[in-house]
Amino acid sequence: MNLFSQIQEAKKQLQDVVMATPLSENLNLSNEFAARILLKREDLQTVRSYKIRGAYNKISTLSAEEQEQGVICASAGNHAQGVAYSCKLLQIKGKIYMPKTTPKQKVKQVNLFGGSFVEIVLTGDTFDDAYAAAMADATKNKMAFIHPFDDLKVIAGQGTVGLEILESYKKPIDYVFVPIGGGGLASGLSEVFKHLSPDTKIIGVEPEGASSMKTSIDNGKVTILENIDKFVDGAAVKQVGKITFDICKKNLSDIILVPEGKVCTTILRLYNEEAMVVEPAGALTISALDLYKEKIKGKTVVCIVSGSNNDIERTAEIKERSLLYEGLMHYFMIQFPQRPGSLKEFVNDILGPDDDITYFQFTKKNSREVGPAVVGLELKNKNDIIAIKTKMENKGFEYKYLNEKQDLFNQLIG
């Protein structure tokens, strides 16, 4: 059975398990880009992401003997919730390996959806660490491993998102923007459009700090990234799947890389303007639109909003990353004269009326003429930073600009 046929079968398998999520036009985005922007709201899915589709399709089609033995998976969060909920529905035991860095909210949700049917094991710092531990356990205990993306049954389940889009919208669709982590959703969805809407361009979107699919396609083979930025945790993997690589290489029209800070700006905007709570991976496709703004003008565009499992404890980090990306947050290490009034002089003579000190760390040492202070400034206008630097130089304040010194920034600010 070919993949498209498997996707059609998966839709029947899932009909009483997943909801057909809305495909709705977003007026703000449509007006901004002079296009018709439709959002496929998988953030409203039963487990708040599309991952239930692939997980349930795979687990429900295991043999009775395999189900009796139980299942194992590795996940940064959303796949884990899909597996957990599937285990509860099918009443079989599951063991779920997650990185220690997984947001607490996602761990809690896995427990909620799986209940007494699942056991959670937190191990390692990345998905790849959890994956290695889960594979070893599955082999040792002869339990079925439910891969988050590199499995045809999982890919087929994710592909049902594509079938729903074309059932909901009968007119031509010019572009579909789909997030890529390991490539399961992009593979399944692109296979549907290849068969039913071949003129639609499928644009994959990856976080800039975890460009595993684009790197692999550029290299002509599956490539393991040595280091990744784990912030967009639902799409941050060091290595895509072999199956998904082959499918995406054939089916995708393009892959766009989106800076993590830009994703944060989109998260805040969607919350403030649309009352939408999305996780970083869920904001990827909307973040990519202005990188394609000339091409999509006058077109019909679908963006997959893949999930809403965001942890409120990350809000401060999201705001910080957004401000840094927008050029509104700046950090300096400044040598302050160790005399009374030097800070007052800095505030009065260097800063403008709309500039705000949001971070200040200084310890006075009387044995020295000057002492270093780490200062964070939030600006209203990103261009004001030029005047601030000029004034500091004219007033004799020696400084290091930490935004451009990543290693030092990470050590001092985090």
Protein backbone atom coordinates (compact mmCIF):
# COMPACT_ATOMS: atom_id res chain seq x y z
CA MET A 1 0.00 0.00 0.00
CA ASN A 2 1.49 3.37 -1.00
CA LEU A 3 1.73 6.27 1.44
CA PHE A 4 -1.25 8.18 0.05
CA SER A 5 -3.46 5.10 0.47
CA GLN A 6 -2.16 4.71 4.02
CA ILE A 7 -3.14 8.31 4.75
CA GLN A 8 -6.66 7.64 3.49
CA GLU A 9 -6.83 4.54 5.72
CA ALA A 10 -5.52 6.56 8.65
CA LYS A 11 -8.36 9.04 8.27
CA LYS A 12 -10.86 6.20 8.80
CA GLN A 13 -8.85 4.93 11.78
CA LEU A 14 -8.89 8.39 13.39
CA GLN A 15 -12.45 9.47 12.67
CA ASP A 16 -13.74 8.88 16.21
CA VAL A 17 -10.51 9.92 17.95
CA VAL A 18 -9.35 13.29 16.59
CA MET A 19 -11.36 16.39 15.83
CA ALA A 20 -11.39 17.99 12.41
CA THR A 21 -9.74 21.26 13.44
CA PRO A 22 -10.89 24.59 12.00
CA LEU A 23 -9.42 26.11 8.85
CA SER A 24 -10.19 29.81 9.21
CA GLU A 25 -9.08 33.02 7.58
CA ASN A 26 -7.10 35.43 9.75
CA LEU A 27 -8.14 38.95 8.78
CA ASN A 28 -5.16 40.73 10.37
CA LEU A 29 -2.63 38.59 8.50
CA SER A 30 -4.66 38.70 5.28
CA ASN A 31 -4.71 42.51 5.37
CA GLU A 32 -1.02 42.72 6.26
CA PHE A 33 0.14 40.53 3.40
CA ALA A 34 -2.56 41.42 0.84
CA ALA A 35 -3.36 37.71 0.59
CA ARG A 36 -5.87 35.24 1.92
CA ILE A 37 -4.18 33.70 4.95
CA LEU A 38 -5.91 30.62 6.35
CA LEU A 39 -4.84 29.06 9.65
CA LYS A 40 -5.18 25.31 10.20
CA ARG A 41 -5.74 25.30 13.94
CA GLU A 42 -4.08 22.09 15.17
CA ASP A 43 -3.44 24.00 18.39
CA LEU A 44 -7.12 23.30 19.14
CA GLN A 45 -6.69 19.52 18.71
CA THR A 46 -7.60 17.14 21.56
CA VAL A 47 -4.06 17.08 22.95
CA ARG A 48 -3.38 20.62 21.67
CA SER A 49 -1.24 19.46 18.76
CA TYR A 50 -1.47 17.32 15.62
CA LYS A 51 0.72 14.60 17.16
CA ILE A 52 -2.25 12.53 18.34
CA ARG A 53 -2.92 11.68 14.68
CA GLY A 54 0.31 9.83 14.03
CA ALA A 55 0.60 8.32 17.49
CA TYR A 56 -2.88 6.81 17.54
CA ASN A 57 -2.68 5.58 13.96
CA LYS A 58 0.53 3.72 14.73
CA ILE A 59 -0.45 2.25 18.10
CA SER A 60 -3.97 1.23 17.10
CA THR A 61 -2.66 -0.75 14.14
CA LEU A 62 -0.15 -2.78 16.18
CA SER A 63 -0.92 -6.47 16.62
CA ALA A 64 -2.75 -7.61 19.76
CA GLU A 65 0.48 -9.19 20.98
CA GLU A 66 2.43 -5.95 20.49
CA GLN A 67 -0.23 -3.94 22.29
CA GLU A 68 -0.20 -6.39 25.17
CA GLN A 69 3.57 -5.96 25.49
CA GLY A 70 3.21 -2.17 25.72
CA VAL A 71 4.83 0.71 23.83
CA ILE A 72 7.75 3.11 24.28
CA CYS A 73 8.40 6.53 22.79
CA ALA A 74 10.81 9.45 23.03
CA SER A 75 9.52 12.99 22.75
CA ALA A 76 10.14 16.64 23.57
CA GLY A 77 6.48 16.88 24.57
CA ASN A 78 3.73 16.82 21.95
CA HIS A 79 4.36 13.31 20.59
CA ALA A 80 4.49 12.15 24.19
CA GLN A 81 1.04 13.57 24.82
CA GLY A 82 -0.29 11.90 21.70
CA VAL A 83 1.17 8.54 22.73
CA ALA A 84 -0.08 8.96 26.31
CA TYR A 85 -3.63 9.74 25.21
CA SER A 86 -3.57 6.85 22.74
CA CYS A 87 -2.46 4.47 25.50
CA LYS A 88 -5.31 5.62 27.70
CA LEU A 89 -7.89 5.25 24.90
CA LEU A 90 -6.63 1.79 23.96
CA GLN A 91 -5.93 0.86 27.60
CA ILE A 92 -2.38 -0.35 27.05
CA LYS A 93 0.76 0.50 28.99
CA GLY A 94 3.25 3.03 27.68
CA LYS A 95 6.69 4.27 28.74
CA ILE A 96 7.62 7.78 27.66
CA TYR A 97 11.16 9.15 27.60
CA MET A 98 11.46 12.95 27.62
CA PRO A 99 14.47 15.31 27.87
CA LYS A 100 15.06 16.82 31.28
CA THR A 101 14.72 20.22 29.58
CA THR A 102 11.09 19.58 28.62
CA PRO A 103 8.82 22.38 29.97
CA LYS A 104 7.01 21.33 33.15
CA GLN A 105 3.69 22.11 31.56
CA LYS A 106 4.25 19.43 28.93
CA VAL A 107 5.30 16.83 31.49
CA LYS A 108 2.16 17.59 33.47
CA GLN A 109 0.01 17.24 30.35
CA VAL A 110 1.52 13.85 29.53
CA ASN A 111 0.51 12.66 32.99
CA LEU A 112 -2.95 14.13 32.50
CA PHE A 113 -3.58 12.49 29.13
CA GLY A 114 -2.02 9.13 29.98
CA GLY A 115 -3.08 8.72 33.58
CA SER A 116 -2.17 5.38 35.13
CA PHE A 117 -1.37 3.86 31.74
CA VAL A 118 1.94 5.71 31.25
CA GLU A 119 5.29 6.00 32.99
CA ILE A 120 7.48 9.08 32.33
CA VAL A 121 11.28 8.90 32.32
CA LEU A 122 13.15 12.23 32.14
CA THR A 123 16.67 11.82 30.77
CA GLY A 124 19.30 13.83 28.85
CA ASP A 125 19.19 17.39 27.55
CA THR A 126 17.82 16.88 24.03
CA PHE A 127 15.34 14.76 22.14
CA ASP A 128 18.26 12.75 20.75
CA ASP A 129 19.40 11.81 24.29
CA ALA A 130 15.90 10.66 25.22
CA TYR A 131 15.60 8.79 21.92
CA ALA A 132 18.78 6.77 22.54
CA ALA A 133 17.62 5.76 26.03
CA ALA A 134 14.14 4.82 24.79
CA MET A 135 15.51 2.70 21.94
CA ALA A 136 17.76 0.80 24.33
CA ASP A 137 14.81 0.13 26.65
CA ALA A 138 12.55 -0.95 23.77
CA THR A 139 15.15 -3.42 22.51
CA LYS A 140 15.83 -4.84 25.96
CA ASN A 141 12.18 -5.32 26.88
CA LYS A 142 10.83 -6.16 23.39
CA MET A 143 8.35 -3.29 23.39
CA ALA A 144 7.13 -1.50 20.24
CA PHE A 145 8.90 1.82 19.73
CA ILE A 146 6.58 4.59 18.53
CA HIS A 147 8.81 6.91 16.53
CA PRO A 148 7.75 10.57 16.57
CA PHE A 149 8.26 11.02 12.81
CA ASP A 150 10.27 8.38 10.92
CA ASP A 151 7.55 5.74 10.58
CA LEU A 152 5.07 5.36 7.71
CA LYS A 153 2.09 4.80 10.03
CA VAL A 154 2.97 7.95 11.99
CA ILE A 155 3.51 9.92 8.78
CA ALA A 156 0.17 8.66 7.45
CA GLY A 157 -1.60 9.85 10.59
CA GLN A 158 -0.04 13.32 10.34
CA GLY A 159 -0.97 13.41 6.65
CA THR A 160 -4.66 13.47 7.56
CA VAL A 161 -4.13 17.19 8.28
CA GLY A 162 -3.72 17.63 4.52
CA LEU A 163 -6.89 15.71 3.72
CA GLU A 164 -8.86 17.91 6.13
CA ILE A 165 -7.51 21.11 4.57
CA LEU A 166 -8.64 20.07 1.09
CA GLU A 167 -12.02 18.90 2.37
CA SER A 168 -12.56 22.25 4.11
CA TYR A 169 -11.41 24.51 1.28
CA LYS A 170 -12.52 23.63 -2.24
CA LYS A 171 -10.85 26.52 -4.07
CA PRO A 172 -7.22 26.45 -5.28
CA ILE A 173 -4.55 26.83 -2.58
CA ASP A 174 -1.32 28.45 -3.74
CA TYR A 175 0.94 27.84 -0.74
CA VAL A 176 0.97 25.73 2.40
CA PHE A 177 3.52 26.62 5.09
CA VAL A 178 4.27 23.62 7.31
CA PRO A 179 6.61 23.42 10.34
CA ILE A 180 9.42 20.87 10.26
CA GLY A 181 11.03 19.13 13.20
CA GLY A 182 11.74 15.56 12.20
CA GLY A 183 9.59 15.93 9.09
CA GLY A 184 6.60 13.67 9.78
CA LEU A 185 3.90 16.29 9.28
CA ALA A 186 5.62 17.83 6.24
CA SER A 187 6.01 14.38 4.66
CA GLY A 188 2.41 13.29 5.13
CA LEU A 189 0.86 16.62 4.21
CA SER A 190 3.03 17.09 1.12
CA GLU A 191 2.13 13.59 -0.12
CA VAL A 192 -1.57 14.47 0.07
CA PHE A 193 -1.09 17.67 -1.90
CA LYS A 194 1.09 15.91 -4.47
CA HIS A 195 -1.87 13.64 -5.26
CA LEU A 196 -4.83 15.98 -4.81
CA SER A 197 -3.46 19.51 -5.37
CA PRO A 198 -0.12 19.22 -7.19
CA ASP A 199 0.05 22.91 -8.11
CA THR A 200 0.15 23.93 -4.44
CA LYS A 201 3.66 24.85 -3.29
CA ILE A 202 4.57 23.26 0.05
CA ILE A 203 6.98 25.45 2.04
CA GLY A 204 8.76 23.85 4.99
CA VAL A 205 9.67 26.08 7.94
CA GLU A 206 12.45 25.30 10.42
CA PRO A 207 13.92 27.25 13.34
CA GLU A 208 17.21 28.86 12.36
CA GLY A 209 19.02 27.18 15.24
CA ALA A 210 17.89 23.66 14.27
CA SER A 211 17.93 23.52 10.47
CA SER A 212 18.27 19.76 10.25
CA MET A 213 16.06 19.17 7.17
CA LYS A 214 17.45 22.06 5.11
CA THR A 215 21.01 21.09 5.97
CA SER A 216 20.31 17.48 5.00
CA ILE A 217 18.69 18.42 1.69
CA ASP A 218 21.52 20.85 0.90
CA ASN A 219 24.04 18.07 1.61
CA GLY A 220 22.09 15.45 -0.32
CA LYS A 221 21.98 13.09 2.67
CA VAL A 222 20.64 12.91 6.24
CA THR A 223 23.03 15.07 8.28
CA ILE A 224 23.39 15.16 12.05
CA LEU A 225 23.77 18.68 13.47
CA GLU A 226 26.39 18.91 16.20
CA ASN A 227 24.65 21.69 18.11
CA ILE A 228 21.12 23.04 18.04
CA ASP A 229 19.16 25.82 19.72
CA LYS A 230 16.54 23.92 21.74
CA PHE A 231 14.21 26.90 22.25
CA VAL A 232 11.67 25.83 19.59
CA ASP A 233 11.45 22.51 21.41
CA GLY A 234 8.69 21.04 19.24
CA ALA A 235 10.88 21.39 16.13
CA ALA A 236 14.44 21.14 17.47
CA VAL A 237 16.03 17.84 16.45
CA LYS A 238 19.62 17.16 15.48
CA GLN A 239 18.67 14.61 12.83
CA VAL A 240 15.59 14.20 10.63
CA GLY A 241 14.30 10.78 9.63
CA LYS A 242 15.51 8.77 6.67
CA ILE A 243 11.96 8.24 5.41
CA THR A 244 10.94 11.86 5.96
CA PHE A 245 14.12 13.11 4.29
CA ASP A 246 13.39 11.17 1.11
CA ILE A 247 9.79 12.41 0.98
CA CYS A 248 10.55 16.06 1.80
CA LYS A 249 13.43 16.16 -0.68
CA LYS A 250 10.97 15.22 -3.45
CA ASN A 251 7.86 17.09 -2.34
CA LEU A 252 8.87 20.41 -0.75
CA SER A 253 9.15 23.52 -2.92
CA ASP A 254 11.35 25.36 -0.42
CA ILE A 255 12.50 25.43 3.20
CA ILE A 256 12.67 28.70 5.15
CA LEU A 257 14.70 29.24 8.30
CA VAL A 258 13.17 31.54 10.93
CA PRO A 259 15.23 33.12 13.76
CA GLU A 260 14.08 32.07 17.22
CA GLY A 261 13.65 35.72 18.23
CA LYS A 262 11.26 36.27 15.35
CA VAL A 263 9.22 33.28 16.51
CA CYS A 264 8.98 34.93 19.95
CA THR A 265 7.69 38.16 18.41
CA THR A 266 4.99 36.14 16.64
CA ILE A 267 3.99 34.33 19.85
CA LEU A 268 3.48 37.64 21.65
CA ARG A 269 1.65 39.16 18.72
CA LEU A 270 -0.76 36.24 18.40
CA TYR A 271 -1.51 36.42 22.12
CA ASN A 272 -2.04 40.18 22.16
CA GLU A 273 -3.92 40.54 18.86
CA GLU A 274 -5.70 37.21 18.37
CA ALA A 275 -5.99 35.78 21.92
CA MET A 276 -4.15 32.72 20.58
CA VAL A 277 -1.77 30.83 22.85
CA VAL A 278 0.76 28.97 20.69
CA GLU A 279 4.01 27.22 21.45
CA PRO A 280 7.20 28.20 19.57
CA ALA A 281 6.80 25.43 16.97
CA GLY A 282 3.18 26.51 16.52
CA ALA A 283 4.27 30.02 15.57
CA LEU A 284 6.89 28.96 13.00
CA THR A 285 4.76 29.13 9.86
CA ILE A 286 3.21 32.52 10.62
CA SER A 287 6.68 33.85 11.45
CA ALA A 288 7.81 32.87 7.95
CA LEU A 289 5.16 34.81 6.04
CA ASP A 290 6.99 38.11 5.72
CA LEU A 291 10.03 36.26 4.36
CA TYR A 292 7.75 35.31 1.45
CA LYS A 293 5.62 38.47 1.38
CA GLU A 294 6.23 39.37 -2.28
CA LYS A 295 5.52 35.85 -3.52
CA ILE A 296 2.28 35.36 -1.54
CA LYS A 297 0.73 38.73 -2.42
CA GLY A 298 -2.74 38.07 -3.87
CA LYS A 299 -2.46 34.34 -3.17
CA THR A 300 -4.30 31.86 -0.97
CA VAL A 301 -2.01 30.62 1.79
CA VAL A 302 -2.49 28.02 4.53
CA CYS A 303 -0.35 28.10 7.67
CA ILE A 304 -0.32 25.05 9.94
CA VAL A 305 -0.53 26.19 13.57
CA SER A 306 0.86 22.96 14.95
CA GLY A 307 0.45 23.25 18.73
CA SER A 308 -0.38 25.31 21.79
CA ASN A 309 1.51 23.54 24.56
CA ASN A 310 3.35 26.56 25.89
CA ASP A 311 4.58 26.94 29.47
CA ILE A 312 3.68 30.27 31.10
CA GLU A 313 7.02 30.13 32.93
CA ARG A 314 8.72 30.75 29.57
CA THR A 315 6.99 34.10 29.05
CA ALA A 316 9.90 36.18 30.35
CA GLU A 317 12.34 34.36 28.06
CA ILE A 318 9.98 34.76 25.09
CA LYS A 319 9.72 38.51 25.68
CA GLU A 320 13.50 38.83 26.11
CA ARG A 321 14.26 36.95 22.89
CA SER A 322 11.68 39.01 21.02
CA LEU A 323 13.12 42.31 22.23
CA LEU A 324 16.66 41.23 21.35
CA TYR A 325 15.56 40.21 17.86
CA GLU A 326 13.64 43.47 17.34
CA GLY A 327 16.68 45.50 18.40
CA LEU A 328 14.94 46.91 21.48
CA MET A 329 16.97 45.20 24.21
CA HIS A 330 20.69 45.85 24.62
CA TYR A 331 23.25 44.68 27.16
CA PHE A 332 26.56 46.35 28.01
CA MET A 333 29.43 45.81 30.39
CA ILE A 334 30.28 49.40 31.34
CA GLN A 335 33.27 50.64 33.34
CA PHE A 336 31.73 53.06 35.85
CA PRO A 337 33.93 55.61 37.72
CA GLN A 338 33.83 54.63 41.40
CA ARG A 339 32.71 58.02 42.68
CA PRO A 340 29.38 59.34 43.89
CA GLY A 341 27.10 60.53 41.10
CA SER A 342 28.48 58.42 38.24
CA LEU A 343 25.26 56.44 37.82
CA LYS A 344 23.21 59.63 37.96
CA GLU A 345 25.47 61.10 35.28
CA PHE A 346 24.92 58.02 33.10
CA VAL A 347 21.13 58.21 33.42
CA ASN A 348 20.93 61.98 32.83
CA ASP A 349 23.54 62.35 30.11
CA ILE A 350 23.38 59.06 28.22
CA LEU A 351 19.82 57.78 28.33
CA GLY A 352 16.85 59.30 26.57
CA PRO A 353 13.44 59.90 28.17
CA ASP A 354 12.01 56.64 26.78
CA ASP A 355 14.99 54.41 27.61
CA ASP A 356 14.63 52.05 30.56
CA ILE A 357 17.24 50.23 32.65
CA THR A 358 15.89 46.71 33.07
CA TYR A 359 19.04 45.00 34.36
CA PHE A 360 21.85 46.35 36.54
CA GLN A 361 24.56 44.36 38.31
CA PHE A 362 27.41 46.17 40.08
CA THR A 363 29.60 45.66 43.12
CA LYS A 364 31.56 48.66 44.44
CA LYS A 365 35.25 48.07 45.15
CA ASN A 366 36.91 51.15 46.69
CA SER A 367 40.41 49.99 45.78
CA ARG A 368 39.77 50.70 42.08
CA GLU A 369 39.08 53.88 40.08
CA VAL A 370 36.49 52.15 37.91
CA GLY A 371 34.32 49.07 38.30
CA PRO A 372 32.38 46.99 35.77
CA ALA A 373 28.57 47.03 35.73
CA VAL A 374 26.39 44.85 33.53
CA VAL A 375 23.55 47.04 32.29
CA GLY A 376 20.45 46.04 30.30
CA LEU A 377 18.55 48.73 28.40
CA GLU A 378 15.10 48.47 26.83
CA LEU A 379 14.42 51.04 24.12
CA LYS A 380 11.26 52.28 22.44
CA ASN A 381 13.03 52.86 19.13
CA LYS A 382 15.75 50.49 17.94
CA ASN A 383 17.64 53.31 16.20
CA ASP A 384 18.23 55.06 19.56
CA ILE A 385 21.06 52.63 20.33
CA ILE A 386 23.36 54.53 17.97
CA ALA A 387 22.99 57.76 19.97
CA ILE A 388 23.51 55.88 23.26
CA LYS A 389 26.80 54.38 22.09
CA THR A 390 27.97 57.75 20.76
CA LYS A 391 27.16 59.52 24.03
CA MET A 392 28.99 56.88 26.08
CA GLU A 393 32.09 57.27 23.92
CA ASN A 394 31.92 61.07 24.13
CA LYS A 395 31.49 60.99 27.92
CA GLY A 396 34.38 58.56 28.41
CA PHE A 397 32.36 55.53 29.50
CA GLU A 398 34.29 52.47 28.38
CA TYR A 399 32.04 49.54 27.46
CA LYS A 400 31.70 46.16 25.83
CA TYR A 401 28.56 45.59 23.76
CA LEU A 402 27.39 42.16 24.94
CA ASN A 403 24.76 41.58 22.25
CA GLU A 404 27.60 40.99 19.79
CA LYS A 405 29.66 38.81 22.15
CA GLN A 406 27.54 35.66 22.36
CA ASP A 407 29.81 33.64 24.68
CA LEU A 408 30.15 36.50 27.17
CA PHE A 409 26.43 37.28 26.86
CA ASN A 410 25.50 33.69 27.70
CA GLN A 411 27.80 33.64 30.73
CA LEU A 412 26.62 36.95 32.18
CA ILE A 413 22.97 37.12 31.13
CA GLY A 414 22.01 33.52 30.34
